[in-house]
Amino acid sequence: QVQLVESGGGLVQPGGSLRLSCAASGSIFSIGAMAWYRQDPKSVRELVAVITSGGSTNYSDSVKGRFTISRDNAKNTVYLQMNSLKSEDTAVYYCNAKITPGTWYRGEKDYWGHGTQVTVSS
């Protein structure tokens, strides 16, 4: 069974930094794109950043220049480095990955982590 487990959330002051991690585990044939989403109680879940298996990245306009997504394919892990944090970055951050489970290719499935809370407040 494939699982995504996030870590690294917490409370930080405005202007501070946090680094989120998300590790995929279980029986995995391959991993395609990996992404971070976020959701606060008043909004729908939004895409923050995505990275392809080849390393190409894309960001939402609201975090461009402040956040950096990266991945370690050997560790099946994706990271989100968040700098210059603002109060509006407060949300639950979710990891998403397109994963082919098992031992042979039979198509990708969408997997989600349970989320990690990021709170930016003084």
C-alpha atoms as a PDB file:
ATOM      1  CA  GLN A   1       0.000   0.000   0.000  1.00  0.00           C
ATOM      2  CA  VAL A   2       1.353   3.378  -1.002  1.00  0.00           C
ATOM      3  CA  GLN A   3       1.466   6.192   1.537  1.00  0.00           C
ATOM      4  CA  LEU A   4       2.540   9.833   1.468  1.00  0.00           C
ATOM      5  CA  VAL A   5       3.662  11.300   4.770  1.00  0.00           C
ATOM      6  CA  GLU A   6       4.292  15.027   5.190  1.00  0.00           C
ATOM      7  CA  SER A   7       6.432  16.677   7.835  1.00  0.00           C
ATOM      8  CA  GLY A   8       7.922  20.062   8.637  1.00  0.00           C
ATOM      9  CA  GLY A   9       4.898  22.228   9.308  1.00  0.00           C
ATOM     10  CA  GLY A  10       4.580  24.497  12.320  1.00  0.00           C
ATOM     11  CA  LEU A  11       4.307  28.044  13.594  1.00  0.00           C
ATOM     12  CA  VAL A  12       6.600  30.695  12.147  1.00  0.00           C
ATOM     13  CA  GLN A  13       6.735  34.485  12.269  1.00  0.00           C
ATOM     14  CA  PRO A  14       6.122  36.593   9.156  1.00  0.00           C
ATOM     15  CA  GLY A  15       9.284  36.751   7.095  1.00  0.00           C
ATOM     16  CA  GLY A  16      10.479  33.400   8.391  1.00  0.00           C
ATOM     17  CA  SER A  17      11.141  30.113   6.625  1.00  0.00           C
ATOM     18  CA  LEU A  18       9.960  26.515   6.791  1.00  0.00           C
ATOM     19  CA  ARG A  19      10.837  23.403   4.839  1.00  0.00           C
ATOM     20  CA  LEU A  20       8.185  20.776   4.189  1.00  0.00           C
ATOM     21  CA  SER A  21       8.986  17.201   3.274  1.00  0.00           C
ATOM     22  CA  CYS A  22       6.808  14.457   1.832  1.00  0.00           C
ATOM     23  CA  ALA A  23       8.013  10.880   1.560  1.00  0.00           C
ATOM     24  CA  ALA A  24       6.302   8.191  -0.477  1.00  0.00           C
ATOM     25  CA  SER A  25       6.527   4.628   0.778  1.00  0.00           C
ATOM     26  CA  GLY A  26       5.156   1.220  -0.070  1.00  0.00           C
ATOM     27  CA  SER A  27       5.206  -0.824  -3.242  1.00  0.00           C
ATOM     28  CA  ILE A  28       6.076   1.747  -5.910  1.00  0.00           C
ATOM     29  CA  PHE A  29       6.947   1.072  -9.546  1.00  0.00           C
ATOM     30  CA  SER A  30       7.429   4.722 -10.504  1.00  0.00           C
ATOM     31  CA  ILE A  31       6.552   8.273  -9.492  1.00  0.00           C
ATOM     32  CA  GLY A  32       5.566  10.963 -11.955  1.00  0.00           C
ATOM     33  CA  ALA A  33       4.762  14.531 -11.046  1.00  0.00           C
ATOM     34  CA  MET A  34       4.782  15.537  -7.384  1.00  0.00           C
ATOM     35  CA  ALA A  35       3.090  18.638  -6.042  1.00  0.00           C
ATOM     36  CA  TRP A  36       2.132  20.681  -3.030  1.00  0.00           C
ATOM     37  CA  TYR A  37      -1.365  22.044  -2.513  1.00  0.00           C
ATOM     38  CA  ARG A  38      -2.763  24.117   0.328  1.00  0.00           C
ATOM     39  CA  GLN A  39      -6.149  24.863   1.783  1.00  0.00           C
ATOM     40  CA  ASP A  40      -7.382  27.224   4.448  1.00  0.00           C
ATOM     41  CA  PRO A  41     -10.868  26.974   6.012  1.00  0.00           C
ATOM     42  CA  LYS A  42     -12.305  29.704   3.774  1.00  0.00           C
ATOM     43  CA  SER A  43     -10.949  28.562   0.415  1.00  0.00           C
ATOM     44  CA  VAL A  44     -10.784  25.634  -1.956  1.00  0.00           C
ATOM     45  CA  ARG A  45      -7.615  23.596  -2.214  1.00  0.00           C
ATOM     46  CA  GLU A  46      -5.139  25.351  -4.494  1.00  0.00           C
ATOM     47  CA  LEU A  47      -2.012  24.212  -6.288  1.00  0.00           C
ATOM     48  CA  VAL A  48       1.129  25.775  -4.826  1.00  0.00           C
ATOM     49  CA  ALA A  49       3.915  24.128  -6.806  1.00  0.00           C
ATOM     50  CA  VAL A  50       4.532  21.101  -9.006  1.00  0.00           C
ATOM     51  CA  ILE A  51       7.653  19.269 -10.152  1.00  0.00           C
ATOM     52  CA  THR A  52       7.805  16.669 -12.911  1.00  0.00           C
ATOM     53  CA  SER A  53       9.846  13.491 -12.796  1.00  0.00           C
ATOM     54  CA  GLY A  54      12.389  15.285 -14.976  1.00  0.00           C
ATOM     55  CA  GLY A  55      12.670  18.230 -12.615  1.00  0.00           C
ATOM     56  CA  SER A  56      10.619  20.886 -14.402  1.00  0.00           C
ATOM     57  CA  THR A  57       8.781  23.133 -11.961  1.00  0.00           C
ATOM     58  CA  ASN A  58       5.807  25.456 -11.918  1.00  0.00           C
ATOM     59  CA  TYR A  59       4.474  27.734  -9.191  1.00  0.00           C
ATOM     60  CA  SER A  60       1.349  29.677  -8.363  1.00  0.00           C
ATOM     61  CA  ASP A  61       1.775  33.413  -8.781  1.00  0.00           C
ATOM     62  CA  SER A  62       1.245  33.940  -5.058  1.00  0.00           C
ATOM     63  CA  VAL A  63       4.400  32.008  -4.093  1.00  0.00           C
ATOM     64  CA  LYS A  64       6.659  32.542  -7.095  1.00  0.00           C
ATOM     65  CA  GLY A  65      10.061  33.819  -6.003  1.00  0.00           C
ATOM     66  CA  ARG A  66       9.507  32.801  -2.373  1.00  0.00           C
ATOM     67  CA  PHE A  67       8.913  29.024  -2.493  1.00  0.00           C
ATOM     68  CA  THR A  68      11.078  26.351  -4.091  1.00  0.00           C
ATOM     69  CA  ILE A  69       9.950  22.800  -4.851  1.00  0.00           C
ATOM     70  CA  SER A  70      12.519  20.036  -5.264  1.00  0.00           C
ATOM     71  CA  ARG A  71      12.643  16.252  -5.175  1.00  0.00           C
ATOM     72  CA  ASP A  72      15.014  13.421  -4.373  1.00  0.00           C
ATOM     73  CA  ASN A  73      14.054  10.528  -6.607  1.00  0.00           C
ATOM     74  CA  ALA A  74      16.313   8.105  -4.751  1.00  0.00           C
ATOM     75  CA  LYS A  75      14.346   8.810  -1.566  1.00  0.00           C
ATOM     76  CA  ASN A  76      10.907   9.158  -3.206  1.00  0.00           C
ATOM     77  CA  THR A  77      10.667  12.509  -1.461  1.00  0.00           C
ATOM     78  CA  VAL A  78       9.494  15.970  -2.449  1.00  0.00           C
ATOM     79  CA  TYR A  79      10.342  19.148  -0.585  1.00  0.00           C
ATOM     80  CA  LEU A  80       8.927  22.641  -0.374  1.00  0.00           C
ATOM     81  CA  GLN A  81      11.272  25.354   0.848  1.00  0.00           C
ATOM     82  CA  MET A  82       9.176  28.327   1.934  1.00  0.00           C
ATOM     83  CA  ASN A  83      10.898  31.674   2.498  1.00  0.00           C
ATOM     84  CA  SER A  84       9.605  35.164   3.255  1.00  0.00           C
ATOM     85  CA  LEU A  85       6.433  33.667   4.671  1.00  0.00           C
ATOM     86  CA  LYS A  86       3.323  35.823   4.956  1.00  0.00           C
ATOM     87  CA  SER A  87       0.200  35.481   7.060  1.00  0.00           C
ATOM     88  CA  GLU A  88      -1.745  34.592   3.922  1.00  0.00           C
ATOM     89  CA  ASP A  89       0.430  31.487   3.529  1.00  0.00           C
ATOM     90  CA  THR A  90      -1.299  30.044   6.602  1.00  0.00           C
ATOM     91  CA  ALA A  91      -3.012  26.820   5.540  1.00  0.00           C
ATOM     92  CA  VAL A  92      -2.882  23.061   5.649  1.00  0.00           C
ATOM     93  CA  TYR A  93      -0.346  21.916   3.068  1.00  0.00           C
ATOM     94  CA  TYR A  94      -0.959  18.654   1.227  1.00  0.00           C
ATOM     95  CA  CYS A  95       1.426  16.556  -0.777  1.00  0.00           C
ATOM     96  CA  ASN A  96       0.206  14.963  -4.010  1.00  0.00           C
ATOM     97  CA  ALA A  97       1.942  12.466  -6.267  1.00  0.00           C
ATOM     98  CA  LYS A  98       1.139  10.546  -9.421  1.00  0.00           C
ATOM     99  CA  ILE A  99       2.335   7.046  -8.569  1.00  0.00           C
ATOM    100  CA  THR A 100       2.304   3.729 -10.363  1.00  0.00           C
ATOM    101  CA  PRO A 101       1.964   1.185  -7.550  1.00  0.00           C
ATOM    102  CA  GLY A 102       3.225  -2.363  -7.617  1.00  0.00           C
ATOM    103  CA  THR A 103       5.985  -3.986  -9.612  1.00  0.00           C
ATOM    104  CA  TRP A 104       4.991  -3.307 -13.218  1.00  0.00           C
ATOM    105  CA  TYR A 105       3.480  -0.412 -15.116  1.00  0.00           C
ATOM    106  CA  ARG A 106      -0.319  -0.356 -15.164  1.00  0.00           C
ATOM    107  CA  GLY A 107      -1.051   3.336 -15.011  1.00  0.00           C
ATOM    108  CA  GLU A 108      -0.647   6.143 -12.515  1.00  0.00           C
ATOM    109  CA  LYS A 109      -2.920   6.835  -9.580  1.00  0.00           C
ATOM    110  CA  ASP A 110      -3.370   9.995  -7.553  1.00  0.00           C
ATOM    111  CA  TYR A 111      -2.138   9.840  -3.957  1.00  0.00           C
ATOM    112  CA  TRP A 112      -2.509  12.425  -1.211  1.00  0.00           C
ATOM    113  CA  GLY A 113      -0.905  12.947   2.156  1.00  0.00           C
ATOM    114  CA  HIS A 114      -2.926  13.823   5.240  1.00  0.00           C
ATOM    115  CA  GLY A 115      -1.637  17.374   5.385  1.00  0.00           C
ATOM    116  CA  THR A 116       0.600  19.442   7.642  1.00  0.00           C
ATOM    117  CA  GLN A 117      -0.421  22.733   9.233  1.00  0.00           C
ATOM    118  CA  VAL A 118       1.590  25.864   8.479  1.00  0.00           C
ATOM    119  CA  THR A 119       0.735  28.924  10.565  1.00  0.00           C
ATOM    120  CA  VAL A 120       2.389  32.281   9.922  1.00  0.00           C
ATOM    121  CA  SER A 121       1.751  34.636  12.797  1.00  0.00           C
ATOM    122  CA  SER A 122       3.549  37.022  15.120  1.00  0.00           C
END
